[in-house]
Protein backbone atom coordinates (compact mmCIF):
# COMPACT_ATOMS: atom_id res chain seq x y z
CA MET A 1 30.81 10.22 -24.22
CA SER A 2 29.42 13.24 -22.98
CA THR A 3 31.63 13.52 -19.86
CA THR A 4 35.33 14.36 -19.61
CA GLN A 5 37.81 12.58 -17.01
CA GLU A 6 37.62 15.31 -14.62
CA ASN A 7 33.71 15.46 -14.56
CA ALA A 8 32.78 11.85 -14.33
CA PHE A 9 31.12 9.57 -12.01
CA LYS A 10 33.36 8.94 -9.02
CA PRO A 11 33.20 5.43 -7.43
CA SER A 12 32.59 6.88 -3.70
CA LEU A 13 30.24 4.32 -1.99
CA SER A 14 31.33 1.51 -0.17
CA LEU A 15 29.38 -1.74 0.16
CA VAL A 16 27.80 -0.81 3.34
CA ASP A 17 26.75 2.62 1.53
CA ALA A 18 25.23 0.23 -1.25
CA THR A 19 23.67 -2.06 0.98
CA MET A 20 21.78 1.03 2.80
CA ILE A 21 20.61 2.11 -0.71
CA VAL A 22 19.14 -1.19 -1.02
CA ALA A 23 17.78 -1.54 2.43
CA GLY A 24 16.64 1.88 2.53
CA SER A 25 14.82 2.38 -0.92
CA MET A 26 12.82 -0.54 0.01
CA ILE A 27 11.60 0.43 3.64
CA GLY A 28 8.87 2.87 3.52
CA SER A 29 5.42 2.82 4.86
CA GLY A 30 4.24 -0.42 3.59
CA ILE A 31 5.39 -2.35 6.38
CA PHE A 32 3.09 -0.40 8.69
CA ILE A 33 0.35 -0.20 6.39
CA VAL A 34 -0.24 -3.28 4.07
CA SER A 35 -0.55 -6.00 6.51
CA ALA A 36 -4.23 -5.03 6.83
CA GLU A 37 -5.26 -5.44 3.15
CA VAL A 38 -3.72 -8.81 3.13
CA ALA A 39 -5.37 -9.91 6.46
CA ARG A 40 -8.42 -8.93 4.85
CA SER A 41 -7.86 -10.47 1.76
CA MET A 42 -6.55 -13.97 2.89
CA GLY A 43 -8.48 -14.25 6.06
CA SER A 44 -5.88 -16.07 8.25
CA SER A 45 -2.93 -15.59 10.08
CA GLY A 46 -0.79 -18.48 8.22
CA TRP A 47 -1.97 -17.12 5.00
CA MET A 48 -1.24 -13.55 5.75
CA MET A 49 2.23 -14.57 6.74
CA ALA A 50 2.63 -16.77 3.42
CA MET A 51 2.09 -13.49 1.41
CA TRP A 52 4.79 -11.76 3.32
CA VAL A 53 7.26 -14.64 3.17
CA LEU A 54 6.58 -15.50 -0.60
CA ALA A 55 7.48 -11.76 -1.60
CA GLY A 56 10.72 -11.91 0.41
CA VAL A 57 11.38 -15.24 -1.28
CA VAL A 58 10.47 -13.92 -4.62
CA THR A 59 12.52 -10.57 -3.93
CA LEU A 60 15.77 -12.75 -2.71
CA ILE A 61 15.49 -14.72 -5.88
CA ALA A 62 15.35 -11.71 -8.22
CA ALA A 63 18.21 -9.96 -6.59
CA LEU A 64 20.50 -13.08 -6.40
CA SER A 65 19.71 -13.45 -10.14
CA TYR A 66 20.50 -9.46 -10.57
CA GLY A 67 23.88 -10.13 -9.15
CA GLU A 68 25.12 -11.89 -12.27
CA LEU A 69 24.14 -8.98 -14.44
CA SER A 70 25.33 -6.51 -12.24
CA GLY A 71 28.83 -8.07 -12.47
CA MET A 72 28.82 -8.20 -16.36
CA PHE A 73 27.95 -4.75 -16.74
CA PRO A 74 28.73 -2.51 -13.50
CA LYS A 75 27.57 0.47 -15.40
CA ALA A 76 25.53 3.68 -14.40
CA GLY A 77 21.71 2.88 -15.60
CA GLY A 78 21.93 -0.69 -14.36
CA GLN A 79 18.64 -2.53 -15.11
CA TYR A 80 18.55 -0.20 -18.16
CA VAL A 81 21.78 -1.61 -19.23
CA TYR A 82 21.22 -5.16 -18.77
CA LEU A 83 18.11 -5.03 -20.92
CA ARG A 84 20.00 -3.24 -23.70
CA GLU A 85 22.81 -5.96 -23.91
CA ALA A 86 20.65 -8.57 -23.28
CA TYR A 87 17.77 -7.61 -26.01
CA ASN A 88 18.30 -4.14 -27.80
CA PRO A 89 17.69 -0.27 -27.19
CA PHE A 90 13.91 -0.55 -27.92
CA VAL A 91 13.39 -2.85 -24.98
CA ALA A 92 15.75 -0.58 -22.73
CA PHE A 93 13.66 2.34 -23.39
CA LEU A 94 10.11 0.90 -22.65
CA PHE A 95 12.06 0.14 -19.07
CA GLY A 96 13.40 3.74 -18.94
CA TRP A 97 10.17 5.22 -19.99
CA THR A 98 8.26 3.43 -17.78
CA GLN A 99 10.55 4.23 -15.04
CA PHE A 100 10.30 7.81 -15.81
CA GLY A 101 6.61 8.18 -16.39
CA VAL A 102 5.02 6.05 -13.69
CA ILE A 103 7.68 3.33 -11.69
CA GLN A 104 10.20 5.47 -10.21
CA THR A 105 8.59 9.25 -9.96
CA GLY A 106 5.21 7.41 -9.24
CA THR A 107 6.83 5.89 -6.20
CA ILE A 108 8.67 9.15 -5.41
CA ALA A 109 5.38 10.98 -5.31
CA ALA A 110 3.44 8.31 -3.37
CA VAL A 111 6.15 8.18 -0.60
CA ALA A 112 6.55 11.90 -0.33
CA MET A 113 2.78 11.93 0.37
CA ALA A 114 3.31 9.23 2.98
CA PHE A 115 5.68 11.28 4.36
CA ALA A 116 3.51 14.32 4.36
CA LYS A 117 0.69 12.59 5.63
CA TYR A 118 2.49 11.70 8.97
CA VAL A 119 3.99 15.35 9.39
CA GLY A 120 0.47 16.31 8.95
CA TYR A 121 -0.63 13.95 11.68
CA LEU A 122 2.26 15.51 14.27
CA ALA A 123 1.20 19.23 13.15
CA PRO A 124 -2.53 19.30 11.71
CA GLU A 125 -1.87 22.43 10.41
CA LEU A 126 0.40 20.70 7.74
CA GLY A 127 -2.18 17.87 6.88
CA GLU A 128 -4.66 16.84 3.90
CA ASN A 129 -7.20 18.61 5.69
CA ASN A 130 -6.19 22.10 5.17
CA VAL A 131 -7.12 22.66 1.86
CA LEU A 132 -5.50 26.09 0.15
CA LEU A 133 -7.39 25.96 -3.24
CA THR A 134 -10.17 24.14 -4.88
CA ILE A 135 -10.84 24.39 -8.81
CA GLY A 136 -13.31 22.09 -9.49
CA ALA A 137 -12.30 18.38 -9.06
CA PHE A 138 -8.79 19.69 -7.85
CA LYS A 139 -7.75 20.35 -4.93
CA LEU A 140 -4.25 21.98 -3.30
CA SER A 141 -3.51 20.70 0.69
CA VAL A 142 -0.61 21.92 2.41
CA ALA A 143 0.21 18.12 2.57
CA GLN A 144 0.60 18.27 -1.33
CA LEU A 145 3.31 21.24 -0.71
CA VAL A 146 4.95 19.49 2.22
CA ALA A 147 5.64 16.22 -0.03
CA ILE A 148 6.60 18.60 -2.92
CA ALA A 149 9.27 20.55 -0.61
CA SER A 150 10.41 17.24 0.51
CA ILE A 151 11.33 16.18 -2.95
CA ILE A 152 12.89 19.38 -3.91
CA VAL A 153 14.87 19.46 -0.72
CA LEU A 154 16.26 15.91 -1.35
CA THR A 155 16.75 16.52 -5.24
CA TYR A 156 18.60 19.79 -4.11
CA ILE A 157 20.88 17.94 -1.69
CA ASN A 158 21.87 15.16 -4.07
CA THR A 159 22.68 17.65 -7.01
CA LYS A 160 25.39 18.67 -4.69
CA GLY A 161 27.32 15.38 -4.91
CA VAL A 162 26.86 11.77 -4.45
CA LYS A 163 28.67 12.17 -0.78
CA ASN A 164 25.64 14.35 0.56
CA GLY A 165 23.11 11.77 -0.45
CA LYS A 166 24.99 9.02 0.89
CA ILE A 167 25.30 10.20 4.29
CA ILE A 168 21.15 10.96 4.58
CA GLN A 169 20.78 7.13 3.20
CA THR A 170 23.34 5.74 5.64
CA VAL A 171 21.88 7.85 8.90
CA PHE A 172 18.20 7.48 7.74
CA THR A 173 18.55 3.85 6.87
CA PHE A 174 20.25 2.91 9.98
CA THR A 175 17.82 4.90 12.18
CA LYS A 176 14.83 3.01 10.50
CA LEU A 177 16.15 -0.37 11.13
CA PHE A 178 17.21 0.09 14.64
CA SER A 179 13.50 1.81 15.19
CA LEU A 180 11.96 -1.27 13.30
CA PHE A 181 14.03 -3.76 15.55
CA GLY A 182 13.07 -2.08 18.51
CA LEU A 183 9.37 -2.02 17.71
CA ILE A 184 9.63 -5.65 17.21
CA ILE A 185 11.68 -6.33 20.27
CA PHE A 186 9.37 -4.28 22.53
CA GLY A 187 6.00 -5.50 20.77
CA LEU A 188 7.25 -9.33 21.65
CA ILE A 189 8.59 -8.34 25.05
CA ILE A 190 6.13 -6.04 26.34
CA GLY A 191 3.02 -6.35 24.16
CA ALA A 192 2.79 -9.77 23.21
CA LYS A 193 0.08 -11.67 24.77
CA ALA A 194 -0.35 -15.91 24.55
CA GLU A 195 -4.05 -15.73 24.23
CA ILE A 196 -3.98 -13.36 21.35
CA TRP A 197 -1.15 -15.55 19.75
CA ASN A 198 -2.79 -18.67 20.21
CA ALA A 199 -6.12 -17.34 19.00
CA ASN A 200 -4.51 -16.00 15.67
CA TRP A 201 -3.20 -19.36 14.92
CA ALA A 202 -6.28 -21.55 15.76
CA ASN A 203 -7.48 -21.62 12.36
CA ALA A 204 -4.49 -20.56 10.75
CA TRP A 205 -4.78 -21.99 7.45
CA VAL A 206 -8.54 -21.39 6.83
CA SER A 207 -8.61 -18.91 4.02
CA GLY A 208 -11.57 -16.39 3.67
CA SER A 209 -12.17 -12.79 2.73
CA LEU A 210 -13.28 -10.39 5.78
CA LYS A 211 -15.62 -7.54 5.61
CA VAL A 212 -17.71 -5.71 8.16
CA ALA A 213 -21.53 -5.95 8.16
CA ASP A 214 -23.83 -4.15 11.02
CA GLY A 215 -21.03 -4.39 12.88
CA GLN A 216 -19.94 -7.87 12.87
CA VAL A 217 -16.78 -9.36 10.73
CA ILE A 218 -18.29 -11.70 8.38
CA THR A 219 -15.82 -14.33 6.83
CA THR A 220 -16.46 -15.72 3.14
CA ALA A 221 -15.00 -18.65 2.01
CA LEU A 222 -12.99 -18.52 -0.92
CA SER A 223 -13.24 -20.44 -4.06
CA THR A 224 -10.25 -21.55 -6.09
CA MET A 225 -10.52 -18.68 -8.43
CA ALA A 226 -11.21 -16.29 -5.56
CA PHE A 227 -8.50 -17.56 -3.79
CA PHE A 228 -5.85 -16.63 -6.73
CA GLY A 229 -7.62 -13.24 -6.80
CA ALA A 230 -6.86 -12.66 -2.99
CA VAL A 231 -3.29 -13.97 -3.87
CA ALA A 232 -3.04 -11.51 -6.10
CA VAL A 233 -4.32 -8.33 -4.34
CA SER A 234 -2.15 -9.31 -1.32
CA MET A 235 1.05 -9.90 -3.31
CA LYS A 236 0.36 -6.23 -4.86
CA GLY A 237 0.87 -4.85 -1.30
CA THR A 238 3.89 -7.53 -0.11
CA LEU A 239 5.70 -7.25 -3.29
CA PHE A 240 5.55 -3.34 -3.48
CA SER A 241 6.50 -3.03 -0.11
CA SER A 242 9.50 -5.03 -0.97
CA ASP A 243 10.18 -3.28 -4.17
CA ALA A 244 13.06 -0.79 -5.19
CA TRP A 245 15.88 -3.04 -4.15
CA ASN A 246 17.15 -2.79 -7.83
CA ASN A 247 17.72 0.90 -7.40
CA VAL A 248 21.23 0.35 -6.36
CA THR A 249 22.01 -0.98 -9.64
CA PHE A 250 21.52 2.48 -11.36
CA ILE A 251 24.04 3.69 -9.62
CA ALA A 252 26.73 1.41 -10.55
CA GLY A 253 29.36 3.75 -11.94
CA GLU A 254 29.64 5.56 -8.30
CA ILE A 255 30.01 2.08 -6.33
CA LYS A 256 33.60 0.78 -5.35
CA ASN A 257 34.51 -2.59 -7.00
CA PRO A 258 30.58 -2.95 -8.31
CA GLN A 259 31.61 -6.07 -9.99
CA LYS A 260 31.23 -7.88 -6.41
CA ASN A 261 29.62 -5.12 -4.22
CA ILE A 262 26.55 -4.68 -6.08
CA GLY A 263 25.71 -8.10 -6.12
CA ARG A 264 27.01 -8.10 -2.26
CA ALA A 265 24.35 -5.39 -1.14
CA LEU A 266 21.53 -6.82 -3.38
CA LEU A 267 21.82 -10.19 -1.13
CA LEU A 268 22.48 -8.36 2.15
CA GLY A 269 19.83 -5.66 1.58
CA THR A 270 16.90 -7.93 0.82
CA LEU A 271 17.77 -10.50 3.12
CA ILE A 272 17.74 -7.86 5.91
CA VAL A 273 14.46 -6.60 4.81
CA THR A 274 12.78 -9.57 4.36
CA ILE A 275 13.81 -10.79 8.09
CA ILE A 276 12.32 -7.24 9.19
CA TYR A 277 9.03 -7.50 7.51
CA VAL A 278 8.59 -11.14 8.41
CA ALA A 279 9.63 -10.31 12.04
CA ALA A 280 7.12 -7.34 12.05
CA ASN A 281 4.06 -9.50 10.95
CA LEU A 282 4.79 -11.87 13.35
CA MET A 283 4.87 -9.24 15.99
CA TYR A 284 1.41 -7.90 14.83
CA LEU A 285 -0.11 -11.50 15.26
CA ALA A 286 1.43 -11.56 18.95
CA VAL A 287 0.32 -8.24 19.93
CA LEU A 288 -3.22 -7.82 18.12
CA PRO A 289 -6.32 -9.95 17.40
CA PHE A 290 -6.50 -11.07 13.79
CA ASN A 291 -9.58 -8.84 13.14
CA GLU A 292 -7.76 -5.83 14.74
CA ILE A 293 -5.12 -6.39 12.19
CA ALA A 294 -7.43 -6.71 9.10
CA PHE A 295 -9.70 -3.48 10.03
CA ALA A 296 -7.24 -1.28 11.81
CA GLU A 297 -8.16 2.37 11.38
CA GLN A 298 -7.14 3.54 7.95
CA ASP A 299 -5.05 0.05 7.81
CA ARG A 300 -2.55 1.76 10.12
CA VAL A 301 -1.47 -1.54 11.74
CA GLY A 302 1.70 -0.13 12.84
CA VAL A 303 -0.01 2.65 14.64
CA ALA A 304 -2.41 0.00 16.28
CA ALA A 305 0.75 -2.13 17.31
CA ALA A 306 2.34 0.68 19.00
CA GLU A 307 -0.93 1.68 20.85
CA ARG A 308 -1.13 -1.67 22.30
CA ILE A 309 2.90 -1.81 23.17
CA PHE A 310 2.99 1.69 24.54
CA GLY A 311 0.16 3.09 24.97
CA ALA A 312 -2.36 5.35 22.51
CA GLY A 313 -0.32 8.75 22.91
CA ILE A 314 3.10 7.57 23.24
CA GLY A 315 2.33 4.59 20.36
CA ALA A 316 0.91 6.82 17.70
CA VAL A 317 3.40 9.33 17.82
CA THR A 318 6.08 6.89 17.82
CA ILE A 319 4.87 5.22 14.70
CA ALA A 320 4.40 8.75 13.04
CA VAL A 321 8.05 9.49 13.88
CA MET A 322 9.15 6.02 12.51
CA ILE A 323 7.48 6.75 9.40
CA ILE A 324 8.42 10.20 8.71
CA ILE A 325 12.08 8.95 8.97
CA SER A 326 11.79 5.82 7.12
CA THR A 327 9.65 7.56 4.07
CA PHE A 328 12.32 10.39 3.90
CA GLY A 329 15.35 8.02 3.92
CA CYS A 330 13.38 5.83 1.35
CA ASN A 331 12.69 8.78 -1.10
CA ASN A 332 16.26 9.99 -0.85
CA GLY A 333 17.53 6.45 -2.01
CA LEU A 334 14.85 6.71 -5.05
CA ILE A 335 15.80 10.28 -5.90
CA LEU A 336 19.56 9.69 -5.69
CA SER A 337 19.50 6.45 -7.83
CA GLY A 338 16.69 7.36 -10.48
CA ALA A 339 18.29 9.81 -12.44
CA ARG A 340 21.38 7.56 -13.40
CA ILE A 341 18.61 5.89 -15.67
CA TYR A 342 17.96 8.99 -17.52
CA TYR A 343 21.81 9.61 -17.89
CA THR A 344 22.24 6.65 -19.61
CA MET A 345 19.39 7.01 -21.76
CA ALA A 346 20.34 10.65 -22.79
CA GLU A 347 23.88 9.13 -23.86
CA ASP A 348 22.21 6.72 -26.09
CA GLY A 349 20.10 9.60 -27.42
CA LEU A 350 16.61 8.61 -26.18
CA PHE A 351 16.17 11.20 -23.45
CA PHE A 352 16.72 15.12 -22.88
CA LYS A 353 20.25 15.53 -24.09
CA LYS A 354 21.12 17.50 -21.06
CA ALA A 355 20.24 14.81 -18.61
CA GLY A 356 23.51 13.13 -20.12
CA HIS A 357 25.67 15.90 -18.25
CA LEU A 358 27.16 15.75 -15.15
CA ASN A 359 27.49 18.96 -13.06
CA LYS A 360 30.45 19.91 -11.43
CA PHE A 361 29.79 17.55 -8.46
CA ASN A 362 29.91 14.68 -10.82
CA VAL A 363 26.12 13.72 -10.46
CA PRO A 364 23.75 14.54 -13.27
CA GLY A 365 21.82 17.58 -11.79
CA TYR A 366 19.83 18.17 -14.81
CA GLY A 367 18.30 14.83 -14.57
CA LEU A 368 17.68 15.15 -11.06
CA TRP A 369 15.69 18.20 -11.59
CA VAL A 370 13.56 16.52 -14.44
CA GLN A 371 12.68 13.80 -12.40
CA CYS A 372 11.77 16.17 -9.35
CA LEU A 373 9.60 18.32 -11.44
CA TRP A 374 7.56 15.29 -13.11
CA ALA A 375 7.36 13.66 -9.33
CA SER A 376 6.17 17.08 -8.24
CA LEU A 377 3.25 16.98 -10.70
CA LEU A 378 2.26 13.85 -9.80
CA CYS A 379 2.00 14.82 -6.42
CA LEU A 380 -0.46 17.95 -7.74
CA SER A 381 -2.39 15.04 -9.63
CA GLY A 382 -4.12 13.64 -6.59
CA LYS A 383 -3.63 10.30 -8.30
CA TYR A 384 -0.60 9.03 -7.03
CA ASN A 385 -2.12 6.02 -5.08
CA ASP A 386 -3.82 4.98 -8.21
CA LEU A 387 -0.15 5.32 -10.06
CA LEU A 388 1.32 3.29 -7.04
CA ALA A 389 -1.01 0.81 -7.82
CA MET A 390 -0.21 0.51 -11.57
CA VAL A 391 3.36 0.27 -10.32
CA ILE A 392 3.65 -3.15 -9.58
CA PHE A 393 2.49 -4.80 -12.93
CA GLY A 394 5.03 -2.61 -14.94
CA VAL A 395 7.86 -3.64 -12.23
CA LEU A 396 6.81 -7.61 -12.35
CA VAL A 397 6.69 -7.34 -16.43
CA PHE A 398 10.43 -6.04 -16.35
CA TYR A 399 11.73 -8.07 -13.60
CA VAL A 400 10.72 -11.01 -15.65
CA ILE A 401 12.07 -9.76 -18.95
CA THR A 402 15.58 -8.51 -17.15
CA ILE A 403 15.91 -12.14 -15.24
CA LEU A 404 14.92 -13.49 -18.69
CA GLY A 405 18.06 -11.84 -20.09
CA ILE A 406 20.21 -13.99 -18.07
CA PHE A 407 19.32 -16.85 -20.20
CA VAL A 408 19.82 -14.83 -23.13
CA LEU A 409 23.20 -13.58 -22.39
CA ARG A 410 24.38 -16.89 -21.45
CA ARG A 411 23.64 -18.29 -24.89
CA THR A 412 24.86 -15.21 -26.79
CA ARG A 413 27.52 -13.33 -24.76
CA PRO A 414 29.21 -16.39 -22.80
CA GLU A 415 32.79 -14.86 -23.00
CA ILE A 416 31.86 -11.72 -20.74
CA PRO A 417 33.47 -12.37 -17.16
CA ARG A 418 31.18 -13.02 -14.51
CA SER A 419 32.00 -12.28 -10.76
CA TYR A 420 28.92 -14.09 -9.94
CA LYS A 421 26.55 -16.49 -11.18
CA ALA A 422 22.91 -16.27 -10.57
CA PHE A 423 22.30 -18.45 -7.58
CA GLY A 424 20.43 -21.68 -8.42
CA TYR A 425 20.58 -21.21 -12.34
CA PRO A 426 18.79 -22.35 -14.14
CA VAL A 427 16.16 -23.52 -11.76
CA LEU A 428 15.57 -20.40 -9.58
CA PRO A 429 15.39 -17.78 -12.05
CA ALA A 430 13.17 -20.11 -13.79
CA LEU A 431 11.10 -20.47 -10.94
CA TYR A 432 11.25 -16.56 -10.35
CA ILE A 433 9.85 -16.02 -13.93
CA LEU A 434 7.18 -18.34 -13.73
CA VAL A 435 5.84 -17.04 -10.18
CA ALA A 436 6.37 -13.30 -11.34
CA SER A 437 4.22 -14.30 -14.55
CA ALA A 438 1.67 -15.81 -12.74
CA LEU A 439 1.54 -12.68 -10.63
CA ALA A 440 1.21 -10.31 -13.35
CA ILE A 441 -1.47 -12.18 -15.22
CA LEU A 442 -3.51 -12.68 -11.81
CA LEU A 443 -3.26 -8.80 -11.62
CA LEU A 444 -4.60 -8.30 -15.56
CA ARG A 445 -7.28 -10.73 -14.18
CA TYR A 446 -8.36 -9.59 -10.97
CA GLU A 447 -7.38 -5.80 -10.72
CA PRO A 448 -7.38 -4.77 -14.49
CA GLU A 449 -8.38 -1.10 -13.29
CA TYR A 450 -4.72 -0.77 -12.17
CA ALA A 451 -3.02 -3.35 -14.53
CA LEU A 452 -4.38 -2.35 -17.71
CA PRO A 453 -3.04 1.17 -17.53
CA GLY A 454 -0.12 -0.20 -16.44
CA LEU A 455 0.50 -1.97 -19.58
CA GLY A 456 -1.04 1.16 -21.44
CA ILE A 457 1.81 3.45 -19.93
CA ILE A 458 4.67 0.57 -20.92
CA LEU A 459 2.89 0.56 -24.49
CA LEU A 460 2.85 4.16 -24.56
CA GLY A 461 6.44 4.00 -24.94
CA ILE A 462 6.44 2.50 -28.57
CA PRO A 463 5.81 5.74 -30.51
CA LEU A 464 7.66 7.49 -27.84
CA TYR A 465 10.64 5.19 -28.87
CA TYR A 466 10.35 6.23 -32.60
CA ILE A 467 9.89 9.69 -31.98
CA ALA A 468 12.99 9.80 -29.97
CA LEU A 469 14.85 7.86 -32.60
CA ARG A 470 13.55 10.97 -35.39
CA LYS A 471 14.93 13.59 -33.13
CA LYS A 472 18.22 11.52 -32.82
């Protein structure tokens, strides 16, 4: 071990704290934006809701399945440890590398840019249009600097101990949960119109892709193959909006009674977020005509709904403030948890050695700053949105492999105590594997410009693994 008894992870996070990390890491800006793309792709209210419900069900099944693994291996690194124990260090390294290369850091960068974008909405001088430097295709805007500053501030806070990160996470997550519930309730009470609701559900299950031509909305019927392509595009957004729930497993070493509380936090956090997401979309359908959801300006469905509820000025500012709070809290959870993977990788000799040491505040300070540096560079790259699109393919691949690990460990390590058993085993875990595998294949088929680079990043880990072994 690279730590002493005095310098080790301290179990200081309660069940509430862990649940706030699950929910807070899941809720970013997606719920305010993604419904527009889903509506355009699927073409009807019933299918739009089906994509959100399916994402919620799939996420809940995965989270409940992870409860068994978290009870078996309540250690820092979470999913990395599960893969190492179920398979081997090579598979675990591919996951850790992909997390560092694109999943964790790319998500941090994209969420930071969403934060900066809405700060710029309230203060235009801090926005993307205020370009400071242009060199060829490279542009540096004030918004990019705001995004990087937010990452640095959150990283610094989290290097000072898990208690600081815990306070930010709990306060910001409770704030955005209450804000979202408030928006939904006000929308259903004040903004809902029976004629809009009835019109939106008149042809709820007639699928079709929507586009605007000559100022008119054109609906194109979907063939069977085109329908599956639309599902792939839609699920890319809804699943990503529901992702990052697994981050709580990375900080198992700092959770009280992790054998039980991680599983409970996974269930509670994912269930709360799923209910909020479904309710928010029902509210959109009660407040906005379907075409206004599909073609909301810059896909800002949340802004369009809030303007209908509160009026143009107040509504837009309300959503901007909510997204700023939501993204800041979301990134705190991502930053807090991510470095724990690199800590465990470093202990295995598969990452920078110093990332395997804890600082005087008993957190992996070096790993936090390495993560901060790479996420900041991704903000500068201007390619964070492309990276975000690549993320969901890699996420699905490793979720499938991890849940398959439950079957492997039942056979190879039956003697290990299990605080929880995977809910609905073997049917529900097997169902998740089938659904997630099908979605990954659909993404390769219909979104190759994003899925293939995502696959390439995973495969790049193969030579890196053998380089790391040689150095080890």
